């Protein structure tokens, strides 16, 4: 078998595979409880990481509601 100068000599090229067969092979190696645990852990980790952003958004929304309420009250008093 001939190799070009860009290929590694130690490893032959892998056969082409589709995403479906790759996904099926990966799921076949991982038991369902471990897969569910990994998914839940990933979801919880994402919430933990983005929690400060969620909190800042919540604070900003509360401040905006208070400003709108104050503006409405001042307009009612001014009229």
PDB file of N, CA and C in Angstrom:
ATOM      1  N   UNK A   1       0.846  -1.176   0.000  1.00  0.00           N
ATOM      2  CA  UNK A   1       0.000   0.000   0.000  1.00  0.00           C
ATOM      3  C   UNK A   1       0.890   1.237   0.000  1.00  0.00           C
ATOM      4  N   UNK A   2       0.618   2.148  -0.902  1.00  0.00           N
ATOM      5  CA  UNK A   2       1.422   3.361  -1.002  1.00  0.00           C
ATOM      6  C   UNK A   2       0.760   4.487  -0.206  1.00  0.00           C
ATOM      7  N   UNK A   3       1.587   5.273   0.446  1.00  0.00           N
ATOM      8  CA  UNK A   3       1.115   6.414   1.210  1.00  0.00           C
ATOM      9  C   UNK A   3       1.720   7.684   0.627  1.00  0.00           C
ATOM     10  N   UNK A   4       0.964   8.740   0.700  1.00  0.00           N
ATOM     11  CA  UNK A   4       1.533  10.020   0.290  1.00  0.00           C
ATOM     12  C   UNK A   4       2.367  10.574   1.438  1.00  0.00           C
ATOM     13  N   UNK A   5       3.123  11.607   1.175  1.00  0.00           N
ATOM     14  CA  UNK A   5       4.001  12.164   2.205  1.00  0.00           C
ATOM     15  C   UNK A   5       3.219  12.828   3.344  1.00  0.00           C
ATOM     16  N   UNK A   6       1.917  13.088   3.171  1.00  0.00           N
ATOM     17  CA  UNK A   6       1.135  13.737   4.223  1.00  0.00           C
ATOM     18  C   UNK A   6       0.487  12.736   5.169  1.00  0.00           C
ATOM     19  N   UNK A   7       0.439  11.461   4.805  1.00  0.00           N
ATOM     20  CA  UNK A   7      -0.173  10.460   5.665  1.00  0.00           C
ATOM     21  C   UNK A   7       0.866   9.838   6.589  1.00  0.00           C
ATOM     22  N   UNK A   8       0.386   9.416   7.749  1.00  0.00           N
ATOM     23  CA  UNK A   8       1.282   8.725   8.669  1.00  0.00           C
ATOM     24  C   UNK A   8       1.515   7.310   8.164  1.00  0.00           C
ATOM     25  N   UNK A   9       2.721   6.846   8.251  1.00  0.00           N
ATOM     26  CA  UNK A   9       3.046   5.513   7.770  1.00  0.00           C
ATOM     27  C   UNK A   9       2.599   4.460   8.777  1.00  0.00           C
ATOM     28  N   UNK A  10       2.538   4.813  10.033  1.00  0.00           N
ATOM     29  CA  UNK A  10       2.233   3.835  11.062  1.00  0.00           C
ATOM     30  C   UNK A  10       0.771   3.410  11.087  1.00  0.00           C
ATOM     31  N   UNK A  11      -0.125   4.243  10.600  1.00  0.00           N
ATOM     32  CA  UNK A  11      -1.550   3.962  10.734  1.00  0.00           C
ATOM     33  C   UNK A  11      -2.231   4.000   9.370  1.00  0.00           C
ATOM     34  N   UNK A  12      -2.907   2.934   8.992  1.00  0.00           N
ATOM     35  CA  UNK A  12      -3.646   2.969   7.729  1.00  0.00           C
ATOM     36  C   UNK A  12      -4.873   3.867   7.861  1.00  0.00           C
ATOM     37  N   UNK A  13      -5.375   4.407   6.767  1.00  0.00           N
ATOM     38  CA  UNK A  13      -6.544   5.286   6.849  1.00  0.00           C
ATOM     39  C   UNK A  13      -7.775   4.523   7.318  1.00  0.00           C
ATOM     40  N   UNK A  14      -8.616   5.206   8.073  1.00  0.00           N
ATOM     41  CA  UNK A  14      -9.832   4.587   8.587  1.00  0.00           C
ATOM     42  C   UNK A  14     -10.873   4.506   7.483  1.00  0.00           C
ATOM     43  N   UNK A  15     -11.726   3.483   7.517  1.00  0.00           N
ATOM     44  CA  UNK A  15     -12.788   3.408   6.519  1.00  0.00           C
ATOM     45  C   UNK A  15     -13.803   4.519   6.747  1.00  0.00           C
ATOM     46  N   UNK A  16     -14.431   5.008   5.680  1.00  0.00           N
ATOM     47  CA  UNK A  16     -15.417   6.072   5.858  1.00  0.00           C
ATOM     48  C   UNK A  16     -16.611   5.566   6.659  1.00  0.00           C
ATOM     49  N   UNK A  17     -17.109   6.384   7.549  1.00  0.00           N
ATOM     50  CA  UNK A  17     -18.272   6.005   8.338  1.00  0.00           C
ATOM     51  C   UNK A  17     -19.244   7.174   8.372  1.00  0.00           C
ATOM     52  N   UNK A  18     -20.493   6.873   8.564  1.00  0.00           N
ATOM     53  CA  UNK A  18     -21.500   7.923   8.653  1.00  0.00           C
ATOM     54  C   UNK A  18     -21.699   8.307  10.100  1.00  0.00           C
ATOM     55  N   UNK A  19     -22.333   9.428  10.313  1.00  0.00           N
ATOM     56  CA  UNK A  19     -22.581   9.892  11.679  1.00  0.00           C
ATOM     57  C   UNK A  19     -23.503   8.935  12.420  1.00  0.00           C
ATOM     58  N   UNK A  20     -24.428   8.329  11.713  1.00  0.00           N
ATOM     59  CA  UNK A  20     -25.373   7.411  12.366  1.00  0.00           C
ATOM     60  C   UNK A  20     -24.659   6.193  12.922  1.00  0.00           C
ATOM     61  N   UNK A  21     -23.740   5.622  12.152  1.00  0.00           N
ATOM     62  CA  UNK A  21     -23.043   4.442  12.656  1.00  0.00           C
ATOM     63  C   UNK A  21     -22.095   4.810  13.779  1.00  0.00           C
ATOM     64  N   UNK A  22     -21.493   5.989  13.715  1.00  0.00           N
ATOM     65  CA  UNK A  22     -20.607   6.432  14.782  1.00  0.00           C
ATOM     66  C   UNK A  22     -21.396   6.641  16.063  1.00  0.00           C
ATOM     67  N   UNK A  23     -22.562   7.291  15.960  1.00  0.00           N
ATOM     68  CA  UNK A  23     -23.399   7.527  17.133  1.00  0.00           C
ATOM     69  C   UNK A  23     -23.902   6.215  17.708  1.00  0.00           C
ATOM     70  N   UNK A  24     -24.333   5.307  16.848  1.00  0.00           N
ATOM     71  CA  UNK A  24     -24.830   4.018  17.327  1.00  0.00           C
ATOM     72  C   UNK A  24     -23.724   3.237  18.025  1.00  0.00           C
ATOM     73  N   UNK A  25     -22.515   3.302  17.500  1.00  0.00           N
ATOM     74  CA  UNK A  25     -21.408   2.592  18.125  1.00  0.00           C
ATOM     75  C   UNK A  25     -21.080   3.198  19.483  1.00  0.00           C
ATOM     76  N   UNK A  26     -21.136   4.517  19.592  1.00  0.00           N
ATOM     77  CA  UNK A  26     -20.845   5.156  20.868  1.00  0.00           C
ATOM     78  C   UNK A  26     -21.923   4.843  21.892  1.00  0.00           C
ATOM     79  N   UNK A  27     -23.183   4.846  21.473  1.00  0.00           N
ATOM     80  CA  UNK A  27     -24.254   4.547  22.411  1.00  0.00           C
ATOM     81  C   UNK A  27     -24.221   3.092  22.833  1.00  0.00           C
ATOM     82  N   UNK A  28     -23.753   2.209  21.986  1.00  0.00           N
ATOM     83  CA  UNK A  28     -23.680   0.797  22.326  1.00  0.00           C
ATOM     84  C   UNK A  28     -22.643   0.520  23.392  1.00  0.00           C
ATOM     85  N   UNK A  29     -21.658   1.369  23.526  1.00  0.00           N
ATOM     86  CA  UNK A  29     -20.602   1.151  24.509  1.00  0.00           C
ATOM     87  C   UNK A  29     -20.927   1.752  25.871  1.00  0.00           C
ATOM     88  N   UNK A  30     -21.910   2.620  25.939  1.00  0.00           N
ATOM     89  CA  UNK A  30     -22.223   3.316  27.178  1.00  0.00           C
ATOM     90  C   UNK A  30     -23.594   2.854  27.680  1.00  0.00           C
ATOM     91  N   UNK A  31     -23.670   2.278  28.862  1.00  0.00           N
ATOM     92  CA  UNK A  31     -24.970   1.839  29.395  1.00  0.00           C
ATOM     93  C   UNK A  31     -25.907   3.031  29.601  1.00  0.00           C
ATOM     94  N   UNK A  32     -27.194   2.769  29.506  1.00  0.00           N
ATOM     95  CA  UNK A  32     -28.192   3.826  29.604  1.00  0.00           C
ATOM     96  C   UNK A  32     -28.109   4.604  30.923  1.00  0.00           C
ATOM     97  N   UNK A  33     -27.961   3.961  32.090  1.00  0.00           N
ATOM     98  CA  UNK A  33     -27.855   4.746  33.330  1.00  0.00           C
ATOM     99  C   UNK A  33     -26.669   5.710  33.325  1.00  0.00           C
ATOM    100  N   UNK A  34     -25.547   5.273  32.773  1.00  0.00           N
ATOM    101  CA  UNK A  34     -24.389   6.165  32.708  1.00  0.00           C
ATOM    102  C   UNK A  34     -24.634   7.310  31.739  1.00  0.00           C
ATOM    103  N   UNK A  35     -25.332   7.030  30.648  1.00  0.00           N
ATOM    104  CA  UNK A  35     -25.658   8.069  29.682  1.00  0.00           C
ATOM    105  C   UNK A  35     -26.590   9.100  30.304  1.00  0.00           C
ATOM    106  N   UNK A  36     -27.597   8.645  31.035  1.00  0.00           N
ATOM    107  CA  UNK A  36     -28.519   9.564  31.704  1.00  0.00           C
ATOM    108  C   UNK A  36     -27.801  10.378  32.773  1.00  0.00           C
ATOM    109  N   UNK A  37     -26.926   9.725  33.532  1.00  0.00           N
ATOM    110  CA  UNK A  37     -26.174  10.439  34.562  1.00  0.00           C
ATOM    111  C   UNK A  37     -25.295  11.523  33.932  1.00  0.00           C
ATOM    112  N   UNK A  38     -24.644  11.199  32.823  1.00  0.00           N
ATOM    113  CA  UNK A  38     -23.797  12.179  32.153  1.00  0.00           C
ATOM    114  C   UNK A  38     -24.623  13.347  31.625  1.00  0.00           C
ATOM    115  N   UNK A  39     -25.813  13.055  31.095  1.00  0.00           N
ATOM    116  CA  UNK A  39     -26.672  14.120  30.575  1.00  0.00           C
ATOM    117  C   UNK A  39     -27.141  15.032  31.703  1.00  0.00           C
ATOM    118  N   UNK A  40     -27.551  14.454  32.815  1.00  0.00           N
ATOM    119  CA  UNK A  40     -28.015  15.248  33.959  1.00  0.00           C
ATOM    120  C   UNK A  40     -26.861  16.067  34.541  1.00  0.00           C
ATOM    121  N   UNK A  41     -25.702  15.449  34.630  1.00  0.00           N
ATOM    122  CA  UNK A  41     -24.532  16.158  35.144  1.00  0.00           C
ATOM    123  C   UNK A  41     -24.146  17.317  34.225  1.00  0.00           C
ATOM    124  N   UNK A  42     -24.222  17.114  32.930  1.00  0.00           N
ATOM    125  CA  UNK A  42     -23.921  18.184  31.985  1.00  0.00           C
ATOM    126  C   UNK A  42     -24.917  19.321  32.076  1.00  0.00           C
ATOM    127  N   UNK A  43     -26.188  18.985  32.217  1.00  0.00           N
ATOM    128  CA  UNK A  43     -27.227  20.008  32.341  1.00  0.00           C
ATOM    129  C   UNK A  43     -27.035  20.816  33.621  1.00  0.00           C
ATOM    130  N   UNK A  44     -26.790  20.120  34.727  1.00  0.00           N
ATOM    131  CA  UNK A  44     -26.580  20.803  36.010  1.00  0.00           C
ATOM    132  C   UNK A  44     -25.317  21.663  35.963  1.00  0.00           C
ATOM    133  N   UNK A  45     -24.273  21.182  35.321  1.00  0.00           N
ATOM    134  CA  UNK A  45     -23.056  21.965  35.198  1.00  0.00           C
ATOM    135  C   UNK A  45     -23.282  23.231  34.379  1.00  0.00           C
ATOM    136  N   UNK A  46     -24.091  23.131  33.331  1.00  0.00           N
ATOM    137  CA  UNK A  46     -24.409  24.306  32.530  1.00  0.00           C
ATOM    138  C   UNK A  46     -25.176  25.343  33.317  1.00  0.00           C
ATOM    139  N   UNK A  47     -26.125  24.883  34.125  1.00  0.00           N
ATOM    140  CA  UNK A  47     -26.887  25.816  34.972  1.00  0.00           C
ATOM    141  C   UNK A  47     -25.949  26.483  35.975  1.00  0.00           C
ATOM    142  N   UNK A  48     -25.064  25.703  36.577  1.00  0.00           N
ATOM    143  CA  UNK A  48     -24.130  26.247  37.560  1.00  0.00           C
ATOM    144  C   UNK A  48     -23.224  27.303  36.927  1.00  0.00           C
ATOM    145  N   UNK A  49     -22.742  27.026  35.734  1.00  0.00           N
ATOM    146  CA  UNK A  49     -21.826  27.957  35.076  1.00  0.00           C
ATOM    147  C   UNK A  49     -22.534  29.243  34.677  1.00  0.00           C
ATOM    148  N   UNK A  50     -23.767  29.135  34.153  1.00  0.00           N
ATOM    149  CA  UNK A  50     -24.477  30.309  33.657  1.00  0.00           C
ATOM    150  C   UNK A  50     -25.364  30.975  34.707  1.00  0.00           C
ATOM    151  N   UNK A  51     -25.350  30.500  35.943  1.00  0.00           N
ATOM    152  CA  UNK A  51     -26.185  31.064  37.004  1.00  0.00           C
ATOM    153  C   UNK A  51     -25.948  32.566  37.210  1.00  0.00           C
ATOM    154  N   UNK A  52     -24.720  33.067  37.232  1.00  0.00           N
ATOM    155  CA  UNK A  52     -24.541  34.518  37.400  1.00  0.00           C
ATOM    156  C   UNK A  52     -25.191  35.331  36.277  1.00  0.00           C
ATOM    157  N   UNK A  53     -25.185  34.807  35.070  1.00  0.00           N
ATOM    158  CA  UNK A  53     -25.816  35.516  33.958  1.00  0.00           C
ATOM    159  C   UNK A  53     -27.328  35.565  34.170  1.00  0.00           C
ATOM    160  N   UNK A  54     -27.908  34.441  34.602  1.00  0.00           N
ATOM    161  CA  UNK A  54     -29.350  34.404  34.868  1.00  0.00           C
ATOM    162  C   UNK A  54     -29.719  35.377  35.984  1.00  0.00           C
ATOM    163  N   UNK A  55     -28.911  35.416  37.034  1.00  0.00           N
ATOM    164  CA  UNK A  55     -29.190  36.311  38.151  1.00  0.00           C
ATOM    165  C   UNK A  55     -29.093  37.770  37.729  1.00  0.00           C
ATOM    166  N   UNK A  56     -28.080  38.111  36.927  1.00  0.00           N
ATOM    167  CA  UNK A  56     -27.927  39.486  36.453  1.00  0.00           C
ATOM    168  C   UNK A  56     -29.122  39.886  35.587  1.00  0.00           C
ATOM    169  N   UNK A  57     -29.571  38.991  34.733  1.00  0.00           N
ATOM    170  CA  UNK A  57     -30.740  39.270  33.890  1.00  0.00           C
ATOM    171  C   UNK A  57     -31.968  39.517  34.755  1.00  0.00           C
ATOM    172  N   UNK A  58     -32.149  38.697  35.780  1.00  0.00           N
ATOM    173  CA  UNK A  58     -33.296  38.854  36.678  1.00  0.00           C
ATOM    174  C   UNK A  58     -33.242  40.203  37.394  1.00  0.00           C
ATOM    175  N   UNK A  59     -32.067  40.593  37.882  1.00  0.00           N
ATOM    176  CA  UNK A  59     -31.926  41.892  38.549  1.00  0.00           C
ATOM    177  C   UNK A  59     -32.219  43.037  37.590  1.00  0.00           C
ATOM    178  N   UNK A  60     -31.710  42.947  36.372  1.00  0.00           N
ATOM    179  CA  UNK A  60     -31.952  43.998  35.387  1.00  0.00           C
ATOM    180  C   UNK A  60     -33.442  44.131  35.078  1.00  0.00           C
ATOM    181  N   UNK A  61     -34.144  43.010  34.968  1.00  0.00           N
ATOM    182  CA  UNK A  61     -35.572  43.056  34.673  1.00  0.00           C
ATOM    183  C   UNK A  61     -36.355  43.689  35.830  1.00  0.00           C
ATOM    184  N   UNK A  62     -35.966  43.382  37.062  1.00  0.00           N
ATOM    185  CA  UNK A  62     -36.631  43.982  38.227  1.00  0.00           C
ATOM    186  C   UNK A  62     -36.413  45.492  38.251  1.00  0.00           C
ATOM    187  N   UNK A  63     -35.179  45.914  37.957  1.00  0.00           N
ATOM    188  CA  UNK A  63     -34.888  47.345  37.930  1.00  0.00           C
ATOM    189  C   UNK A  63     -35.691  48.051  36.846  1.00  0.00           C
ATOM    190  N   UNK A  64     -35.800  47.438  35.687  1.00  0.00           N
ATOM    191  CA  UNK A  64     -36.580  48.037  34.609  1.00  0.00           C
ATOM    192  C   UNK A  64     -38.055  48.155  34.978  1.00  0.00           C
ATOM    193  N   UNK A  65     -38.603  47.127  35.631  1.00  0.00           N
ATOM    194  CA  UNK A  65     -40.009  47.187  36.054  1.00  0.00           C
ATOM    195  C   UNK A  65     -40.223  48.313  37.058  1.00  0.00           C
ATOM    196  N   UNK A  66     -39.271  48.469  37.991  1.00  0.00           N
ATOM    197  CA  UNK A  66     -39.394  49.532  38.981  1.00  0.00           C
ATOM    198  C   UNK A  66     -39.315  50.909  38.316  1.00  0.00           C
ATOM    199  N   UNK A  67     -38.412  51.076  37.353  1.00  0.00           N
ATOM    200  CA  UNK A  67     -38.293  52.351  36.650  1.00  0.00           C
ATOM    201  C   UNK A  67     -39.562  52.674  35.870  1.00  0.00           C
ATOM    202  N   UNK A  68     -40.127  51.669  35.201  1.00  0.00           N
ATOM    203  CA  UNK A  68     -41.363  51.885  34.448  1.00  0.00           C
ATOM    204  C   UNK A  68     -42.496  52.264  35.397  1.00  0.00           C
ATOM    205  N   UNK A  69     -42.550  51.590  36.531  1.00  0.00           N
ATOM    206  CA  UNK A  69     -43.601  51.882  37.513  1.00  0.00           C
ATOM    207  C   UNK A  69     -43.460  53.314  38.036  1.00  0.00           C
ATOM    208  N   UNK A  70     -42.217  53.729  38.340  1.00  0.00           N
ATOM    209  CA  UNK A  70     -41.989  55.087  38.822  1.00  0.00           C
ATOM    210  C   UNK A  70     -42.327  56.123  37.756  1.00  0.00           C
ATOM    211  N   UNK A  71     -41.988  55.844  36.503  1.00  0.00           N
ATOM    212  CA  UNK A  71     -42.315  56.766  35.420  1.00  0.00           C
ATOM    213  C   UNK A  71     -43.829  56.901  35.244  1.00  0.00           C
ATOM    214  N   UNK A  72     -44.534  55.789  35.332  1.00  0.00           N
ATOM    215  CA  UNK A  72     -45.991  55.831  35.199  1.00  0.00           C
ATOM    216  C   UNK A  72     -46.621  56.636  36.343  1.00  0.00           C
ATOM    217  N   UNK A  73     -46.103  56.428  37.555  1.00  0.00           N
ATOM    218  CA  UNK A  73     -46.645  57.174  38.708  1.00  0.00           C
ATOM    219  C   UNK A  73     -46.340  58.659  38.574  1.00  0.00           C
ATOM    220  N   UNK A  74     -45.144  59.017  38.105  1.00  0.00           N
ATOM    221  CA  UNK A  74     -44.806  60.427  37.966  1.00  0.00           C
ATOM    222  C   UNK A  74     -45.630  61.080  36.848  1.00  0.00           C
ATOM    223  N   UNK A  75     -45.937  60.336  35.795  1.00  0.00           N
ATOM    224  CA  UNK A  75     -46.768  60.876  34.718  1.00  0.00           C
ATOM    225  C   UNK A  75     -48.197  61.086  35.210  1.00  0.00           C
ATOM    226  N   UNK A  76     -48.706  60.175  36.025  1.00  0.00           N
ATOM    227  CA  UNK A  76     -50.060  60.309  36.552  1.00  0.00           C
ATOM    228  C   UNK A  76     -50.152  61.515  37.494  1.00  0.00           C
ATOM    229  N   UNK A  77     -49.103  61.732  38.301  1.00  0.00           N
ATOM    230  CA  UNK A  77     -49.090  62.884  39.210  1.00  0.00           C
ATOM    231  C   UNK A  77     -48.934  64.183  38.440  1.00  0.00           C
ATOM    232  N   UNK A  78     -48.150  64.155  37.373  1.00  0.00           N
ATOM    233  CA  UNK A  78     -47.911  65.346  36.585  1.00  0.00           C
ATOM    234  C   UNK A  78     -49.123  65.755  35.753  1.00  0.00           C
ATOM    235  N   UNK A  79     -49.998  64.837  35.430  1.00  0.00           N
ATOM    236  CA  UNK A  79     -51.146  65.167  34.585  1.00  0.00           C
ATOM    237  C   UNK A  79     -52.245  65.835  35.326  1.00  0.00           C
TER     238      UNK A  79
END
